[in-house]
Amino acid sequence: DFADAGADIITFHTEADSDIGKTVDK
């Protein structure tokens, strides 16, 4: 959603629930 919206950099938190490695790769 955010890539489609035009994000150039996407930052997320290590404390979030998603798998960090998979999210970075995505």
PDB file of all heavy atoms in Angstrom:
ATOM      1  N   ASP A   1       0.828  -1.209   0.000  1.00  0.00           N
ATOM      2  CA  ASP A   1       0.000   0.000   0.000  1.00  0.00           C
ATOM      3  C   ASP A   1       0.860   1.256   0.000  1.00  0.00           C
ATOM      4  O   ASP A   1       0.589   2.209  -0.757  1.00  0.00           O
ATOM      5  CB  ASP A   1      -0.921   0.017   1.223  1.00  0.00           C
ATOM      6  CG  ASP A   1      -2.015  -1.029   1.155  1.00  0.00           C
ATOM      7  OD1 ASP A   1      -2.296  -1.524   0.045  1.00  0.00           O
ATOM      8  OD2 ASP A   1      -2.579  -1.351   2.216  1.00  0.00           O
ATOM      9  N   PHE A   2       1.888   1.270   0.836  1.00  0.00           N
ATOM     10  CA  PHE A   2       2.697   2.483   0.948  1.00  0.00           C
ATOM     11  C   PHE A   2       3.679   2.617  -0.218  1.00  0.00           C
ATOM     12  O   PHE A   2       3.990   3.738  -0.639  1.00  0.00           O
ATOM     13  CB  PHE A   2       3.398   2.527   2.300  1.00  0.00           C
ATOM     14  CG  PHE A   2       2.429   2.789   3.418  1.00  0.00           C
ATOM     15  CD1 PHE A   2       2.002   1.762   4.244  1.00  0.00           C
ATOM     16  CD2 PHE A   2       1.902   4.054   3.609  1.00  0.00           C
ATOM     17  CE1 PHE A   2       1.078   1.988   5.250  1.00  0.00           C
ATOM     18  CE2 PHE A   2       0.972   4.298   4.609  1.00  0.00           C
ATOM     19  CZ  PHE A   2       0.553   3.269   5.437  1.00  0.00           C
ATOM     20  N   ALA A   3       4.138   1.507  -0.749  1.00  0.00           N
ATOM     21  CA  ALA A   3       4.966   1.573  -1.958  1.00  0.00           C
ATOM     22  C   ALA A   3       4.143   2.113  -3.124  1.00  0.00           C
ATOM     23  O   ALA A   3       4.602   2.983  -3.880  1.00  0.00           O
ATOM     24  CB  ALA A   3       5.526   0.189  -2.285  1.00  0.00           C
ATOM     25  N   ASP A   4       2.913   1.630  -3.250  1.00  0.00           N
ATOM     26  CA  ASP A   4       2.032   2.120  -4.319  1.00  0.00           C
ATOM     27  C   ASP A   4       1.695   3.596  -4.135  1.00  0.00           C
ATOM     28  O   ASP A   4       1.474   4.320  -5.113  1.00  0.00           O
ATOM     29  CB  ASP A   4       0.733   1.307  -4.347  1.00  0.00           C
ATOM     30  CG  ASP A   4       0.934  -0.123  -4.829  1.00  0.00           C
ATOM     31  OD1 ASP A   4       1.980  -0.402  -5.455  1.00  0.00           O
ATOM     32  OD2 ASP A   4       0.054  -0.971  -4.556  1.00  0.00           O
ATOM     33  N   ALA A   5       1.652   4.050  -2.884  1.00  0.00           N
ATOM     34  CA  ALA A   5       1.310   5.446  -2.592  1.00  0.00           C
ATOM     35  C   ALA A   5       2.444   6.407  -2.914  1.00  0.00           C
ATOM     36  O   ALA A   5       2.225   7.616  -2.987  1.00  0.00           O
ATOM     37  CB  ALA A   5       0.916   5.587  -1.131  1.00  0.00           C
ATOM     38  N   GLY A   6       3.664   5.870  -3.093  1.00  0.00           N
ATOM     39  CA  GLY A   6       4.783   6.729  -3.466  1.00  0.00           C
ATOM     40  C   GLY A   6       5.888   6.850  -2.450  1.00  0.00           C
ATOM     41  O   GLY A   6       6.749   7.734  -2.554  1.00  0.00           O
ATOM     42  N   ALA A   7       5.914   5.964  -1.457  1.00  0.00           N
ATOM     43  CA  ALA A   7       7.003   5.999  -0.476  1.00  0.00           C
ATOM     44  C   ALA A   7       8.338   5.731  -1.156  1.00  0.00           C
ATOM     45  O   ALA A   7       8.442   4.841  -2.006  1.00  0.00           O
ATOM     46  CB  ALA A   7       6.762   4.965   0.615  1.00  0.00           C
ATOM     47  N   ASP A   8       9.350   6.485  -0.803  1.00  0.00           N
ATOM     48  CA  ASP A   8      10.708   6.243  -1.303  1.00  0.00           C
ATOM     49  C   ASP A   8      11.537   5.485  -0.271  1.00  0.00           C
ATOM     50  O   ASP A   8      12.343   4.630  -0.622  1.00  0.00           O
ATOM     51  CB  ASP A   8      11.376   7.583  -1.635  1.00  0.00           C
ATOM     52  CG  ASP A   8      10.658   8.302  -2.759  1.00  0.00           C
ATOM     53  OD1 ASP A   8      10.869   7.928  -3.918  1.00  0.00           O
ATOM     54  OD2 ASP A   8       9.853   9.219  -2.474  1.00  0.00           O
ATOM     55  N   ILE A   9      11.348   5.838   0.991  1.00  0.00           N
ATOM     56  CA  ILE A   9      11.967   5.136   2.117  1.00  0.00           C
ATOM     57  C   ILE A   9      10.831   4.656   3.016  1.00  0.00           C
ATOM     58  O   ILE A   9       9.904   5.414   3.303  1.00  0.00           O
ATOM     59  CB  ILE A   9      12.881   6.067   2.939  1.00  0.00           C
ATOM     60  CG1 ILE A   9      13.955   6.704   2.055  1.00  0.00           C
ATOM     61  CG2 ILE A   9      13.534   5.314   4.102  1.00  0.00           C
ATOM     62  CD1 ILE A   9      14.677   7.866   2.731  1.00  0.00           C
ATOM     63  N   ILE A  10      10.895   3.401   3.436  1.00  0.00           N
ATOM     64  CA  ILE A  10       9.904   2.892   4.382  1.00  0.00           C
ATOM     65  C   ILE A  10      10.634   2.428   5.630  1.00  0.00           C
ATOM     66  O   ILE A  10      11.482   1.534   5.575  1.00  0.00           O
ATOM     67  CB  ILE A  10       9.061   1.748   3.798  1.00  0.00           C
ATOM     68  CG1 ILE A  10       8.268   2.243   2.580  1.00  0.00           C
ATOM     69  CG2 ILE A  10       8.110   1.194   4.855  1.00  0.00           C
ATOM     70  CD1 ILE A  10       7.410   1.174   1.919  1.00  0.00           C
ATOM     71  N   THR A  11      10.311   3.065   6.741  1.00  0.00           N
ATOM     72  CA  THR A  11      10.888   2.735   8.041  1.00  0.00           C
ATOM     73  C   THR A  11       9.844   2.037   8.888  1.00  0.00           C
ATOM     74  O   THR A  11       8.701   2.489   8.958  1.00  0.00           O
ATOM     75  CB  THR A  11      11.345   4.013   8.766  1.00  0.00           C
ATOM     76  OG1 THR A  11      12.262   4.737   7.942  1.00  0.00           O
ATOM     77  CG2 THR A  11      12.009   3.679  10.100  1.00  0.00           C
ATOM     78  N   PHE A  12      10.226   0.945   9.527  1.00  0.00           N
ATOM     79  CA  PHE A  12       9.329   0.298  10.474  1.00  0.00           C
ATOM     80  C   PHE A  12      10.117  -0.052  11.722  1.00  0.00           C
ATOM     81  O   PHE A  12      11.349   0.032  11.743  1.00  0.00           O
ATOM     82  CB  PHE A  12       8.655  -0.942   9.863  1.00  0.00           C
ATOM     83  CG  PHE A  12       9.586  -2.101   9.603  1.00  0.00           C
ATOM     84  CD1 PHE A  12       9.652  -3.174  10.481  1.00  0.00           C
ATOM     85  CD2 PHE A  12      10.404  -2.128   8.472  1.00  0.00           C
ATOM     86  CE1 PHE A  12      10.501  -4.249  10.251  1.00  0.00           C
ATOM     87  CE2 PHE A  12      11.257  -3.192   8.230  1.00  0.00           C
ATOM     88  CZ  PHE A  12      11.310  -4.264   9.121  1.00  0.00           C
ATOM     89  N   HIS A  13       9.412  -0.465  12.770  1.00  0.00           N
ATOM     90  CA  HIS A  13      10.039  -0.650  14.074  1.00  0.00           C
ATOM     91  C   HIS A  13      10.443  -2.094  14.340  1.00  0.00           C
ATOM     92  O   HIS A  13       9.693  -3.028  14.031  1.00  0.00           O
ATOM     93  CB  HIS A  13       9.093  -0.175  15.185  1.00  0.00           C
ATOM     94  CG  HIS A  13       9.160   1.298  15.405  1.00  0.00           C
ATOM     95  ND1 HIS A  13       9.893   1.863  16.437  1.00  0.00           N
ATOM     96  CD2 HIS A  13       8.629   2.333  14.707  1.00  0.00           C
ATOM     97  CE1 HIS A  13       9.788   3.181  16.374  1.00  0.00           C
ATOM     98  NE2 HIS A  13       9.025   3.490  15.344  1.00  0.00           N
ATOM     99  N   THR A  14      11.605  -2.252  14.964  1.00  0.00           N
ATOM    100  CA  THR A  14      12.028  -3.583  15.394  1.00  0.00           C
ATOM    101  C   THR A  14      11.047  -4.160  16.405  1.00  0.00           C
ATOM    102  O   THR A  14      10.931  -5.382  16.530  1.00  0.00           O
ATOM    103  CB  THR A  14      13.425  -3.530  16.048  1.00  0.00           C
ATOM    104  OG1 THR A  14      13.383  -2.644  17.180  1.00  0.00           O
ATOM    105  CG2 THR A  14      14.482  -3.052  15.068  1.00  0.00           C
ATOM    106  N   GLU A  15      10.319  -3.299  17.104  1.00  0.00           N
ATOM    107  CA  GLU A  15       9.387  -3.749  18.138  1.00  0.00           C
ATOM    108  C   GLU A  15       8.032  -4.174  17.573  1.00  0.00           C
ATOM    109  O   GLU A  15       7.172  -4.649  18.318  1.00  0.00           O
ATOM    110  CB  GLU A  15       9.166  -2.632  19.165  1.00  0.00           C
ATOM    111  CG  GLU A  15      10.444  -2.096  19.797  1.00  0.00           C
ATOM    112  CD  GLU A  15      11.015  -0.899  19.032  1.00  0.00           C
ATOM    113  OE1 GLU A  15      10.484  -0.563  17.941  1.00  0.00           O
ATOM    114  OE2 GLU A  15      11.984  -0.309  19.532  1.00  0.00           O
ATOM    115  N   ALA A  16       7.804  -3.989  16.264  1.00  0.00           N
ATOM    116  CA  ALA A  16       6.528  -4.367  15.652  1.00  0.00           C
ATOM    117  C   ALA A  16       6.393  -5.892  15.596  1.00  0.00           C
ATOM    118  O   ALA A  16       7.346  -6.635  15.865  1.00  0.00           O
ATOM    119  CB  ALA A  16       6.421  -3.762  14.255  1.00  0.00           C
ATOM    120  N   ASP A  17       5.207  -6.357  15.223  1.00  0.00           N
ATOM    121  CA  ASP A  17       4.915  -7.795  15.249  1.00  0.00           C
ATOM    122  C   ASP A  17       5.366  -8.547  14.003  1.00  0.00           C
ATOM    123  O   ASP A  17       5.520  -9.771  14.041  1.00  0.00           O
ATOM    124  CB  ASP A  17       3.405  -8.008  15.442  1.00  0.00           C
ATOM    125  CG  ASP A  17       2.918  -7.496  16.786  1.00  0.00           C
ATOM    126  OD1 ASP A  17       3.730  -7.469  17.739  1.00  0.00           O
ATOM    127  OD2 ASP A  17       1.735  -7.116  16.876  1.00  0.00           O
ATOM    128  N   SER A  18       5.547  -7.865  12.881  1.00  0.00           N
ATOM    129  CA  SER A  18       5.939  -8.537  11.645  1.00  0.00           C
ATOM    130  C   SER A  18       7.366  -9.055  11.709  1.00  0.00           C
ATOM    131  O   SER A  18       8.217  -8.476  12.392  1.00  0.00           O
ATOM    132  CB  SER A  18       5.803  -7.579  10.456  1.00  0.00           C
ATOM    133  OG  SER A  18       4.463  -7.189  10.254  1.00  0.00           O
ATOM    134  N   ASP A  19       7.630 -10.132  10.980  1.00  0.00           N
ATOM    135  CA  ASP A  19       8.986 -10.655  10.863  1.00  0.00           C
ATOM    136  C   ASP A  19       9.886  -9.573  10.244  1.00  0.00           C
ATOM    137  O   ASP A  19       9.596  -9.069   9.151  1.00  0.00           O
ATOM    138  CB  ASP A  19       8.984 -11.912   9.997  1.00  0.00           C
ATOM    139  CG  ASP A  19      10.354 -12.520   9.843  1.00  0.00           C
ATOM    140  OD1 ASP A  19      11.103 -12.088   8.934  1.00  0.00           O
ATOM    141  OD2 ASP A  19      10.698 -13.422  10.632  1.00  0.00           O
ATOM    142  N   ILE A  20      10.968  -9.230  10.927  1.00  0.00           N
ATOM    143  CA  ILE A  20      11.807  -8.116  10.474  1.00  0.00           C
ATOM    144  C   ILE A  20      12.453  -8.414   9.129  1.00  0.00           C
ATOM    145  O   ILE A  20      12.398  -7.597   8.199  1.00  0.00           O
ATOM    146  CB  ILE A  20      12.878  -7.782  11.531  1.00  0.00           C
ATOM    147  CG1 ILE A  20      12.217  -7.282  12.812  1.00  0.00           C
ATOM    148  CG2 ILE A  20      13.855  -6.725  10.993  1.00  0.00           C
ATOM    149  CD1 ILE A  20      13.185  -7.031  13.953  1.00  0.00           C
ATOM    150  N   GLY A  21      13.060  -9.588   8.994  1.00  0.00           N
ATOM    151  CA  GLY A  21      13.744  -9.923   7.751  1.00  0.00           C
ATOM    152  C   GLY A  21      12.811  -9.940   6.553  1.00  0.00           C
ATOM    153  O   GLY A  21      13.139  -9.404   5.480  1.00  0.00           O
ATOM    154  N   LYS A  22      11.635 -10.527   6.720  1.00  0.00           N
ATOM    155  CA  LYS A  22      10.664 -10.585   5.622  1.00  0.00           C
ATOM    156  C   LYS A  22      10.173  -9.189   5.250  1.00  0.00           C
ATOM    157  O   LYS A  22       9.956  -8.880   4.072  1.00  0.00           O
ATOM    158  CB  LYS A  22       9.485 -11.468   6.011  1.00  0.00           C
ATOM    159  CG  LYS A  22       9.808 -12.959   6.091  1.00  0.00           C
ATOM    160  CD  LYS A  22       8.575 -13.760   6.487  1.00  0.00           C
ATOM    161  CE  LYS A  22       8.900 -15.248   6.573  1.00  0.00           C
ATOM    162  NZ  LYS A  22       7.712 -16.047   7.001  1.00  0.00           N
ATOM    163  N   THR A  23      10.010  -8.346   6.254  1.00  0.00           N
ATOM    164  CA  THR A  23       9.522  -6.988   5.986  1.00  0.00           C
ATOM    165  C   THR A  23      10.581  -6.177   5.254  1.00  0.00           C
ATOM    166  O   THR A  23      10.267  -5.451   4.299  1.00  0.00           O
ATOM    167  CB  THR A  23       9.109  -6.301   7.294  1.00  0.00           C
ATOM    168  OG1 THR A  23       8.183  -7.139   7.998  1.00  0.00           O
ATOM    169  CG2 THR A  23       8.441  -4.968   7.015  1.00  0.00           C
ATOM    170  N   VAL A  24      11.830  -6.288   5.679  1.00  0.00           N
ATOM    171  CA  VAL A  24      12.924  -5.607   4.975  1.00  0.00           C
ATOM    172  C   VAL A  24      12.980  -6.050   3.526  1.00  0.00           C
ATOM    173  O   VAL A  24      13.061  -5.232   2.595  1.00  0.00           O
ATOM    174  CB  VAL A  24      14.275  -5.862   5.681  1.00  0.00           C
ATOM    175  CG1 VAL A  24      15.439  -5.402   4.804  1.00  0.00           C
ATOM    176  CG2 VAL A  24      14.323  -5.158   7.029  1.00  0.00           C
ATOM    177  N   ASP A  25      12.919  -7.364   3.302  1.00  0.00           N
ATOM    178  CA  ASP A  25      12.986  -7.894   1.939  1.00  0.00           C
ATOM    179  C   ASP A  25      11.816  -7.422   1.087  1.00  0.00           C
ATOM    180  O   ASP A  25      11.968  -7.137  -0.109  1.00  0.00           O
ATOM    181  CB  ASP A  25      13.017  -9.424   1.967  1.00  0.00           C
ATOM    182  CG  ASP A  25      14.341  -9.974   2.478  1.00  0.00           C
ATOM    183  OD1 ASP A  25      15.342  -9.222   2.487  1.00  0.00           O
ATOM    184  OD2 ASP A  25      14.375 -11.158   2.881  1.00  0.00           O
ATOM    185  N   LYS A  26      10.636  -7.334   1.691  1.00  0.00           N
ATOM    186  CA  LYS A  26       9.452  -6.880   0.958  1.00  0.00           C
ATOM    187  C   LYS A  26       9.611  -5.431   0.529  1.00  0.00           C
ATOM    188  O   LYS A  26       9.279  -5.068  -0.611  1.00  0.00           O
ATOM    189  CB  LYS A  26       8.215  -7.035   1.848  1.00  0.00           C
ATOM    190  CG  LYS A  26       6.912  -6.570   1.200  1.00  0.00           C
ATOM    191  CD  LYS A  26       6.519  -7.459   0.031  1.00  0.00           C
ATOM    192  CE  LYS A  26       5.142  -7.084  -0.501  1.00  0.00           C
ATOM    193  NZ  LYS A  26       4.738  -7.932  -1.633  1.00  0.00           N
TER     194      LYS A  26
END
